[in-house]
Amino acid sequence: MTAPPIIGIDLGTTYSLVALLQDGVPTVLPNAVGELLTPSAVSLLEDGSVVVGAAARARATTHPNRTLLGFKRDMGTNKKLTLGDRQMTAQELSALVLGALKHDAEVALGCPIEEAVITVPAYFGDSQRQATRDAGAIAGLRVERIVNEPTAAALAYG
């Protein structure tokens, strides 16, 4: 029996993506709409449900009080961000993006995903790194490792 794959997630401020190693080659997986990049955006619909990604980003101009972008900047803080009638932390919002990426990977690969490596900016301190781990846990992922983005780039191109 083969162990479920460990995915790599670049949790970006503007866009995020999910990839894995296939036969030693990094392969970016498509999201639900067939794109490789997923906007790091969350929007609250009028019925209380949440949309993530391109659908959320599209609502940013028409529903600015119900849509959040750029919340990664607040990782590691206790700041509450207003999403419609809800108050959420950057960790909770990032968990929604991570959860969507996890789901997209499960659909693309046809198996459950439990573990991930997540990249963070090199300037992230301990509280921001822990907040990223927390977001992964909220999304149902066991975060195997947090990797600096420049290190991940060097590994990919080295």
N, C-alpha and C. Protein backbone atom coordinates (compact mmCIF):
# COMPACT_ATOMS: atom_id res chain seq x y z
N MET A 1 0.84 -1.18 0.00
CA MET A 1 0.00 0.00 0.00
C MET A 1 0.89 1.24 0.00
N THR A 2 0.60 2.17 -0.88
CA THR A 2 1.39 3.37 -1.03
C THR A 2 0.89 4.45 -0.08
N ALA A 3 1.83 5.15 0.55
CA ALA A 3 1.46 6.26 1.43
C ALA A 3 0.94 7.42 0.59
N PRO A 4 -0.02 8.19 1.14
CA PRO A 4 -0.50 9.37 0.41
C PRO A 4 0.67 10.33 0.15
N PRO A 5 0.65 11.01 -0.97
CA PRO A 5 1.76 11.91 -1.28
C PRO A 5 1.77 13.12 -0.35
N ILE A 6 2.95 13.70 -0.19
CA ILE A 6 3.10 14.96 0.53
C ILE A 6 3.13 16.05 -0.53
N ILE A 7 2.22 17.01 -0.38
CA ILE A 7 2.15 18.10 -1.35
C ILE A 7 2.98 19.29 -0.87
N GLY A 8 3.35 20.13 -1.81
CA GLY A 8 4.01 21.38 -1.50
C GLY A 8 3.06 22.51 -1.83
N ILE A 9 2.94 23.46 -0.92
CA ILE A 9 2.03 24.59 -1.13
C ILE A 9 2.80 25.89 -1.01
N ASP A 10 2.67 26.71 -2.03
CA ASP A 10 3.18 28.08 -1.97
C ASP A 10 1.98 28.94 -1.60
N LEU A 11 1.89 29.30 -0.33
CA LEU A 11 0.79 30.13 0.16
C LEU A 11 1.20 31.57 -0.03
N GLY A 12 0.72 32.17 -1.11
CA GLY A 12 1.13 33.52 -1.46
C GLY A 12 0.17 34.59 -0.99
N THR A 13 0.64 35.81 -0.99
CA THR A 13 -0.18 36.95 -0.62
C THR A 13 -1.25 37.20 -1.67
N THR A 14 -0.89 37.08 -2.94
CA THR A 14 -1.82 37.34 -4.04
C THR A 14 -2.33 36.05 -4.67
N TYR A 15 -1.43 35.13 -4.94
CA TYR A 15 -1.79 33.84 -5.54
C TYR A 15 -1.11 32.72 -4.77
N SER A 16 -1.72 31.55 -4.80
CA SER A 16 -1.17 30.36 -4.18
C SER A 16 -1.20 29.22 -5.19
N LEU A 17 -0.42 28.18 -4.92
CA LEU A 17 -0.46 27.01 -5.78
C LEU A 17 -0.06 25.79 -4.99
N VAL A 18 -0.39 24.63 -5.56
CA VAL A 18 -0.06 23.35 -4.93
C VAL A 18 0.67 22.49 -5.96
N ALA A 19 1.71 21.78 -5.49
CA ALA A 19 2.51 20.94 -6.38
C ALA A 19 2.97 19.70 -5.64
N LEU A 20 3.53 18.77 -6.37
CA LEU A 20 4.16 17.61 -5.76
C LEU A 20 5.24 17.10 -6.69
N LEU A 21 6.09 16.25 -6.14
CA LEU A 21 7.12 15.63 -6.96
C LEU A 21 6.54 14.38 -7.62
N GLN A 22 6.62 14.33 -8.93
CA GLN A 22 6.20 13.15 -9.68
C GLN A 22 7.41 12.68 -10.48
N ASP A 23 7.91 11.51 -10.14
CA ASP A 23 9.11 10.96 -10.78
C ASP A 23 10.29 11.94 -10.68
N GLY A 24 10.39 12.60 -9.52
CA GLY A 24 11.49 13.51 -9.28
C GLY A 24 11.35 14.89 -9.89
N VAL A 25 10.22 15.14 -10.53
CA VAL A 25 9.99 16.43 -11.19
C VAL A 25 8.86 17.17 -10.48
N PRO A 26 9.08 18.43 -10.08
CA PRO A 26 7.99 19.19 -9.46
C PRO A 26 6.89 19.45 -10.48
N THR A 27 5.65 19.11 -10.09
CA THR A 27 4.50 19.27 -10.98
C THR A 27 3.44 20.08 -10.26
N VAL A 28 3.05 21.21 -10.87
CA VAL A 28 2.00 22.04 -10.31
C VAL A 28 0.66 21.42 -10.69
N LEU A 29 -0.23 21.31 -9.71
CA LEU A 29 -1.54 20.70 -9.93
C LEU A 29 -2.58 21.77 -10.23
N PRO A 30 -3.51 21.48 -11.14
CA PRO A 30 -4.56 22.47 -11.45
C PRO A 30 -5.58 22.57 -10.33
N ASN A 31 -6.20 23.74 -10.24
CA ASN A 31 -7.28 23.93 -9.26
C ASN A 31 -8.62 23.53 -9.89
N ALA A 32 -9.70 23.82 -9.21
CA ALA A 32 -11.03 23.39 -9.64
C ALA A 32 -11.45 23.98 -10.99
N VAL A 33 -10.87 25.12 -11.36
CA VAL A 33 -11.23 25.73 -12.66
C VAL A 33 -10.15 25.49 -13.71
N GLY A 34 -9.20 24.58 -13.42
CA GLY A 34 -8.19 24.20 -14.39
C GLY A 34 -6.98 25.12 -14.46
N GLU A 35 -6.91 26.10 -13.58
CA GLU A 35 -5.78 27.03 -13.55
C GLU A 35 -4.71 26.50 -12.59
N LEU A 36 -3.47 26.94 -12.80
CA LEU A 36 -2.38 26.52 -11.92
C LEU A 36 -2.25 27.44 -10.70
N LEU A 37 -2.63 28.70 -10.86
CA LEU A 37 -2.59 29.66 -9.75
C LEU A 37 -3.99 29.88 -9.19
N THR A 38 -4.08 29.89 -7.88
CA THR A 38 -5.35 30.14 -7.19
C THR A 38 -5.24 31.47 -6.46
N PRO A 39 -6.11 32.43 -6.77
CA PRO A 39 -6.05 33.68 -6.02
C PRO A 39 -6.22 33.43 -4.52
N SER A 40 -5.40 34.10 -3.71
CA SER A 40 -5.51 34.01 -2.25
C SER A 40 -6.58 34.99 -1.81
N ALA A 41 -7.81 34.62 -2.08
CA ALA A 41 -8.96 35.48 -1.83
C ALA A 41 -10.08 34.66 -1.21
N VAL A 42 -10.82 35.30 -0.29
CA VAL A 42 -11.94 34.65 0.38
C VAL A 42 -13.11 35.62 0.35
N SER A 43 -14.30 35.10 0.03
CA SER A 43 -15.50 35.94 0.01
C SER A 43 -16.65 35.21 0.68
N LEU A 44 -17.45 35.98 1.39
CA LEU A 44 -18.61 35.45 2.10
C LEU A 44 -19.86 35.76 1.28
N LEU A 45 -20.57 34.72 0.87
CA LEU A 45 -21.80 34.90 0.11
C LEU A 45 -22.93 35.32 1.05
N GLU A 46 -24.00 35.82 0.45
CA GLU A 46 -25.13 36.30 1.23
C GLU A 46 -25.78 35.19 2.05
N ASP A 47 -25.69 33.95 1.59
CA ASP A 47 -26.29 32.83 2.32
C ASP A 47 -25.38 32.31 3.44
N GLY A 48 -24.20 32.94 3.62
CA GLY A 48 -23.29 32.55 4.68
C GLY A 48 -22.21 31.58 4.25
N SER A 49 -22.29 31.07 3.03
CA SER A 49 -21.25 30.16 2.57
C SER A 49 -20.04 30.96 2.10
N VAL A 50 -18.90 30.30 2.03
CA VAL A 50 -17.64 30.95 1.70
C VAL A 50 -17.14 30.42 0.37
N VAL A 51 -16.64 31.32 -0.46
CA VAL A 51 -15.98 30.92 -1.70
C VAL A 51 -14.52 31.37 -1.63
N VAL A 52 -13.64 30.60 -2.27
CA VAL A 52 -12.21 30.85 -2.24
C VAL A 52 -11.69 30.84 -3.67
N GLY A 53 -10.67 31.63 -3.92
CA GLY A 53 -10.00 31.59 -5.21
C GLY A 53 -10.57 32.58 -6.20
N ALA A 54 -10.64 32.16 -7.47
CA ALA A 54 -11.05 33.05 -8.55
C ALA A 54 -12.46 33.61 -8.33
N ALA A 55 -13.37 32.78 -7.85
CA ALA A 55 -14.74 33.26 -7.61
C ALA A 55 -14.75 34.35 -6.54
N ALA A 56 -13.92 34.19 -5.52
CA ALA A 56 -13.83 35.20 -4.46
C ALA A 56 -13.18 36.47 -5.00
N ARG A 57 -12.10 36.32 -5.74
CA ARG A 57 -11.42 37.50 -6.29
C ARG A 57 -12.34 38.30 -7.20
N ALA A 58 -13.17 37.61 -7.97
CA ALA A 58 -14.10 38.28 -8.88
C ALA A 58 -15.11 39.14 -8.11
N ARG A 59 -15.39 38.77 -6.87
CA ARG A 59 -16.35 39.52 -6.05
C ARG A 59 -15.73 40.72 -5.33
N ALA A 60 -14.42 40.87 -5.42
CA ALA A 60 -13.73 41.92 -4.67
C ALA A 60 -14.23 43.32 -5.03
N THR A 61 -14.53 43.56 -6.28
CA THR A 61 -15.00 44.89 -6.68
C THR A 61 -16.49 45.07 -6.44
N THR A 62 -17.27 44.02 -6.58
CA THR A 62 -18.72 44.14 -6.40
C THR A 62 -19.16 43.96 -4.95
N HIS A 63 -18.37 43.25 -4.15
CA HIS A 63 -18.69 42.98 -2.75
C HIS A 63 -17.46 43.20 -1.86
N PRO A 64 -16.93 44.43 -1.84
CA PRO A 64 -15.69 44.67 -1.11
C PRO A 64 -15.79 44.42 0.40
N ASN A 65 -16.97 44.57 0.99
CA ASN A 65 -17.13 44.34 2.43
C ASN A 65 -17.27 42.85 2.77
N ARG A 66 -17.45 42.04 1.75
CA ARG A 66 -17.63 40.61 1.96
C ARG A 66 -16.48 39.79 1.37
N THR A 67 -15.41 40.48 0.95
CA THR A 67 -14.28 39.81 0.31
C THR A 67 -12.97 40.32 0.91
N LEU A 68 -12.04 39.40 1.14
CA LEU A 68 -10.73 39.78 1.68
C LEU A 68 -9.61 39.25 0.79
N LEU A 69 -8.63 40.11 0.61
CA LEU A 69 -7.41 39.80 -0.15
C LEU A 69 -6.22 40.26 0.70
N GLY A 70 -5.06 39.72 0.49
CA GLY A 70 -3.86 40.21 1.14
C GLY A 70 -3.77 39.98 2.64
N PHE A 71 -4.56 39.07 3.16
CA PHE A 71 -4.58 38.83 4.61
C PHE A 71 -3.32 38.14 5.12
N LYS A 72 -2.53 37.58 4.21
CA LYS A 72 -1.28 36.92 4.62
C LYS A 72 -0.36 37.89 5.36
N ARG A 73 -0.49 39.18 5.05
CA ARG A 73 0.34 40.19 5.70
C ARG A 73 0.10 40.24 7.21
N ASP A 74 -1.05 39.75 7.65
CA ASP A 74 -1.40 39.79 9.07
C ASP A 74 -1.15 38.46 9.78
N MET A 75 -0.48 37.53 9.11
CA MET A 75 -0.16 36.25 9.76
C MET A 75 0.69 36.49 10.99
N GLY A 76 0.38 35.77 12.05
CA GLY A 76 1.16 35.88 13.28
C GLY A 76 0.72 36.99 14.20
N THR A 77 -0.34 37.69 13.81
CA THR A 77 -0.88 38.75 14.67
C THR A 77 -2.24 38.28 15.20
N ASN A 78 -2.75 39.02 16.16
CA ASN A 78 -4.10 38.72 16.69
C ASN A 78 -5.16 39.58 16.03
N LYS A 79 -4.80 40.28 14.97
CA LYS A 79 -5.72 41.17 14.28
C LYS A 79 -6.92 40.39 13.73
N LYS A 80 -8.11 40.93 13.98
CA LYS A 80 -9.33 40.34 13.44
C LYS A 80 -9.72 41.12 12.18
N LEU A 81 -9.98 40.40 11.12
CA LEU A 81 -10.37 41.01 9.86
C LEU A 81 -11.86 40.77 9.65
N THR A 82 -12.53 41.76 9.09
CA THR A 82 -13.98 41.68 8.92
C THR A 82 -14.31 41.13 7.55
N LEU A 83 -15.03 40.02 7.55
CA LEU A 83 -15.52 39.38 6.33
C LEU A 83 -17.03 39.33 6.45
N GLY A 84 -17.70 40.31 5.85
CA GLY A 84 -19.15 40.40 6.01
C GLY A 84 -19.49 40.65 7.46
N ASP A 85 -20.24 39.74 8.05
CA ASP A 85 -20.62 39.87 9.46
C ASP A 85 -19.74 39.01 10.38
N ARG A 86 -18.65 38.48 9.84
CA ARG A 86 -17.74 37.62 10.62
C ARG A 86 -16.42 38.33 10.91
N GLN A 87 -15.82 37.97 12.02
CA GLN A 87 -14.48 38.42 12.37
C GLN A 87 -13.57 37.19 12.28
N MET A 88 -12.51 37.29 11.49
CA MET A 88 -11.62 36.15 11.30
C MET A 88 -10.17 36.59 11.37
N THR A 89 -9.30 35.68 11.80
CA THR A 89 -7.87 35.95 11.82
C THR A 89 -7.27 35.58 10.46
N ALA A 90 -6.06 36.08 10.23
CA ALA A 90 -5.36 35.72 8.99
C ALA A 90 -5.13 34.22 8.92
N GLN A 91 -4.92 33.58 10.09
CA GLN A 91 -4.72 32.13 10.11
C GLN A 91 -5.98 31.41 9.62
N GLU A 92 -7.14 31.86 10.07
CA GLU A 92 -8.40 31.23 9.67
C GLU A 92 -8.65 31.43 8.18
N LEU A 93 -8.37 32.63 7.69
CA LEU A 93 -8.56 32.92 6.27
C LEU A 93 -7.58 32.12 5.42
N SER A 94 -6.33 32.06 5.87
CA SER A 94 -5.33 31.26 5.14
C SER A 94 -5.70 29.78 5.15
N ALA A 95 -6.32 29.32 6.24
CA ALA A 95 -6.76 27.92 6.31
C ALA A 95 -7.81 27.63 5.25
N LEU A 96 -8.65 28.60 4.94
CA LEU A 96 -9.65 28.40 3.89
C LEU A 96 -8.96 28.24 2.53
N VAL A 97 -7.93 29.03 2.27
CA VAL A 97 -7.17 28.90 1.02
C VAL A 97 -6.44 27.56 0.99
N LEU A 98 -5.78 27.21 2.09
CA LEU A 98 -5.08 25.91 2.16
C LEU A 98 -6.05 24.75 1.98
N GLY A 99 -7.23 24.85 2.57
CA GLY A 99 -8.24 23.80 2.43
C GLY A 99 -8.68 23.63 0.99
N ALA A 100 -8.84 24.76 0.29
CA ALA A 100 -9.23 24.69 -1.12
C ALA A 100 -8.12 24.04 -1.95
N LEU A 101 -6.86 24.39 -1.66
CA LEU A 101 -5.74 23.79 -2.38
C LEU A 101 -5.63 22.29 -2.08
N LYS A 102 -5.85 21.93 -0.84
CA LYS A 102 -5.83 20.52 -0.44
C LYS A 102 -6.91 19.75 -1.21
N HIS A 103 -8.10 20.32 -1.26
CA HIS A 103 -9.21 19.67 -1.99
C HIS A 103 -8.88 19.53 -3.47
N ASP A 104 -8.34 20.59 -4.07
CA ASP A 104 -7.97 20.53 -5.49
C ASP A 104 -6.93 19.44 -5.73
N ALA A 105 -5.95 19.30 -4.83
CA ALA A 105 -4.93 18.26 -4.97
C ALA A 105 -5.56 16.88 -4.86
N GLU A 106 -6.50 16.72 -3.92
CA GLU A 106 -7.17 15.42 -3.76
C GLU A 106 -7.95 15.04 -5.00
N VAL A 107 -8.60 16.02 -5.62
CA VAL A 107 -9.35 15.75 -6.86
C VAL A 107 -8.38 15.40 -7.99
N ALA A 108 -7.30 16.17 -8.12
CA ALA A 108 -6.33 15.94 -9.20
C ALA A 108 -5.63 14.60 -9.06
N LEU A 109 -5.35 14.20 -7.81
CA LEU A 109 -4.58 12.97 -7.58
C LEU A 109 -5.47 11.75 -7.30
N GLY A 110 -6.72 11.98 -6.96
CA GLY A 110 -7.63 10.88 -6.69
C GLY A 110 -7.36 10.14 -5.40
N CYS A 111 -6.76 10.84 -4.43
CA CYS A 111 -6.49 10.21 -3.14
C CYS A 111 -6.50 11.29 -2.05
N PRO A 112 -6.67 10.86 -0.80
CA PRO A 112 -6.66 11.85 0.28
C PRO A 112 -5.25 12.41 0.51
N ILE A 113 -5.20 13.66 0.91
CA ILE A 113 -3.94 14.33 1.23
C ILE A 113 -3.95 14.65 2.71
N GLU A 114 -2.87 14.28 3.39
CA GLU A 114 -2.77 14.51 4.82
C GLU A 114 -1.61 15.41 5.20
N GLU A 115 -0.54 15.43 4.39
CA GLU A 115 0.67 16.16 4.76
C GLU A 115 1.06 17.16 3.68
N ALA A 116 1.70 18.24 4.16
CA ALA A 116 2.15 19.27 3.22
C ALA A 116 3.41 19.95 3.74
N VAL A 117 4.17 20.46 2.81
CA VAL A 117 5.26 21.39 3.07
C VAL A 117 4.75 22.73 2.56
N ILE A 118 4.87 23.78 3.36
CA ILE A 118 4.35 25.09 2.99
C ILE A 118 5.49 26.10 2.98
N THR A 119 5.53 26.91 1.93
CA THR A 119 6.55 27.94 1.85
C THR A 119 6.08 29.23 2.52
N VAL A 120 7.05 29.96 3.07
CA VAL A 120 6.79 31.27 3.67
C VAL A 120 7.90 32.22 3.24
N PRO A 121 7.64 33.53 3.28
CA PRO A 121 8.71 34.48 2.95
C PRO A 121 9.87 34.34 3.94
N ALA A 122 11.07 34.61 3.47
CA ALA A 122 12.27 34.49 4.31
C ALA A 122 12.20 35.41 5.52
N TYR A 123 11.48 36.54 5.41
CA TYR A 123 11.40 37.49 6.52
C TYR A 123 10.40 37.07 7.61
N PHE A 124 9.63 36.02 7.39
CA PHE A 124 8.67 35.57 8.40
C PHE A 124 9.42 35.16 9.66
N GLY A 125 8.96 35.66 10.80
CA GLY A 125 9.52 35.29 12.09
C GLY A 125 8.81 34.07 12.66
N ASP A 126 9.16 33.72 13.89
CA ASP A 126 8.60 32.53 14.53
C ASP A 126 7.08 32.58 14.64
N SER A 127 6.51 33.73 15.02
CA SER A 127 5.05 33.81 15.18
C SER A 127 4.34 33.64 13.84
N GLN A 128 4.91 34.17 12.78
CA GLN A 128 4.30 34.03 11.46
C GLN A 128 4.43 32.59 10.94
N ARG A 129 5.55 31.96 11.24
CA ARG A 129 5.73 30.56 10.84
C ARG A 129 4.75 29.66 11.61
N GLN A 130 4.60 29.92 12.90
CA GLN A 130 3.66 29.14 13.69
C GLN A 130 2.23 29.37 13.22
N ALA A 131 1.91 30.60 12.86
CA ALA A 131 0.57 30.90 12.34
C ALA A 131 0.31 30.13 11.04
N THR A 132 1.34 29.98 10.23
CA THR A 132 1.20 29.21 8.99
C THR A 132 0.98 27.73 9.31
N ARG A 133 1.70 27.21 10.28
CA ARG A 133 1.46 25.83 10.73
C ARG A 133 0.04 25.67 11.25
N ASP A 134 -0.41 26.64 12.04
CA ASP A 134 -1.77 26.60 12.59
C ASP A 134 -2.81 26.60 11.47
N ALA A 135 -2.59 27.44 10.46
CA ALA A 135 -3.51 27.50 9.33
C ALA A 135 -3.58 26.14 8.63
N GLY A 136 -2.42 25.50 8.46
CA GLY A 136 -2.40 24.17 7.86
C GLY A 136 -3.18 23.16 8.67
N ALA A 137 -3.01 23.21 10.00
CA ALA A 137 -3.75 22.29 10.88
C ALA A 137 -5.25 22.53 10.79
N ILE A 138 -5.66 23.80 10.77
CA ILE A 138 -7.09 24.13 10.64
C ILE A 138 -7.64 23.55 9.34
N ALA A 139 -6.81 23.57 8.29
CA ALA A 139 -7.23 23.06 6.98
C ALA A 139 -7.19 21.54 6.90
N GLY A 140 -6.76 20.88 7.98
CA GLY A 140 -6.72 19.42 7.99
C GLY A 140 -5.42 18.83 7.46
N LEU A 141 -4.37 19.63 7.48
CA LEU A 141 -3.07 19.17 7.00
C LEU A 141 -2.08 19.03 8.15
N ARG A 142 -1.27 18.01 8.08
CA ARG A 142 -0.13 17.90 8.98
C ARG A 142 1.02 18.58 8.24
N VAL A 143 1.49 19.69 8.79
CA VAL A 143 2.54 20.46 8.13
C VAL A 143 3.88 19.83 8.47
N GLU A 144 4.45 19.15 7.50
CA GLU A 144 5.71 18.44 7.65
C GLU A 144 6.87 19.40 7.85
N ARG A 145 6.81 20.50 7.12
CA ARG A 145 7.90 21.47 7.20
C ARG A 145 7.45 22.81 6.66
N ILE A 146 8.03 23.87 7.22
CA ILE A 146 7.89 25.23 6.70
C ILE A 146 9.21 25.56 6.02
N VAL A 147 9.17 25.98 4.76
CA VAL A 147 10.38 26.25 3.99
C VAL A 147 10.36 27.70 3.52
N ASN A 148 11.50 28.37 3.65
CA ASN A 148 11.62 29.72 3.11
C ASN A 148 11.44 29.70 1.60
N GLU A 149 10.73 30.68 1.06
CA GLU A 149 10.50 30.73 -0.39
C GLU A 149 11.80 30.75 -1.19
N PRO A 150 12.83 31.52 -0.79
CA PRO A 150 14.07 31.48 -1.57
C PRO A 150 14.73 30.09 -1.55
N THR A 151 14.61 29.38 -0.43
CA THR A 151 15.16 28.03 -0.35
C THR A 151 14.41 27.10 -1.29
N ALA A 152 13.09 27.23 -1.31
CA ALA A 152 12.28 26.40 -2.21
C ALA A 152 12.64 26.68 -3.67
N ALA A 153 12.84 27.94 -4.00
CA ALA A 153 13.21 28.31 -5.38
C ALA A 153 14.58 27.71 -5.72
N ALA A 154 15.51 27.79 -4.80
CA ALA A 154 16.85 27.24 -5.05
C ALA A 154 16.79 25.73 -5.25
N LEU A 155 15.98 25.05 -4.44
CA LEU A 155 15.84 23.60 -4.60
C LEU A 155 15.20 23.24 -5.93
N ALA A 156 14.21 24.04 -6.36
CA ALA A 156 13.53 23.75 -7.62
C ALA A 156 14.44 23.96 -8.82
N TYR A 157 15.30 24.97 -8.73
CA TYR A 157 16.15 25.29 -9.88
C TYR A 157 17.57 24.79 -9.74
N GLY A 158 17.91 24.21 -8.56
CA GLY A 158 19.29 23.75 -8.32
C GLY A 158 19.51 22.40 -8.89
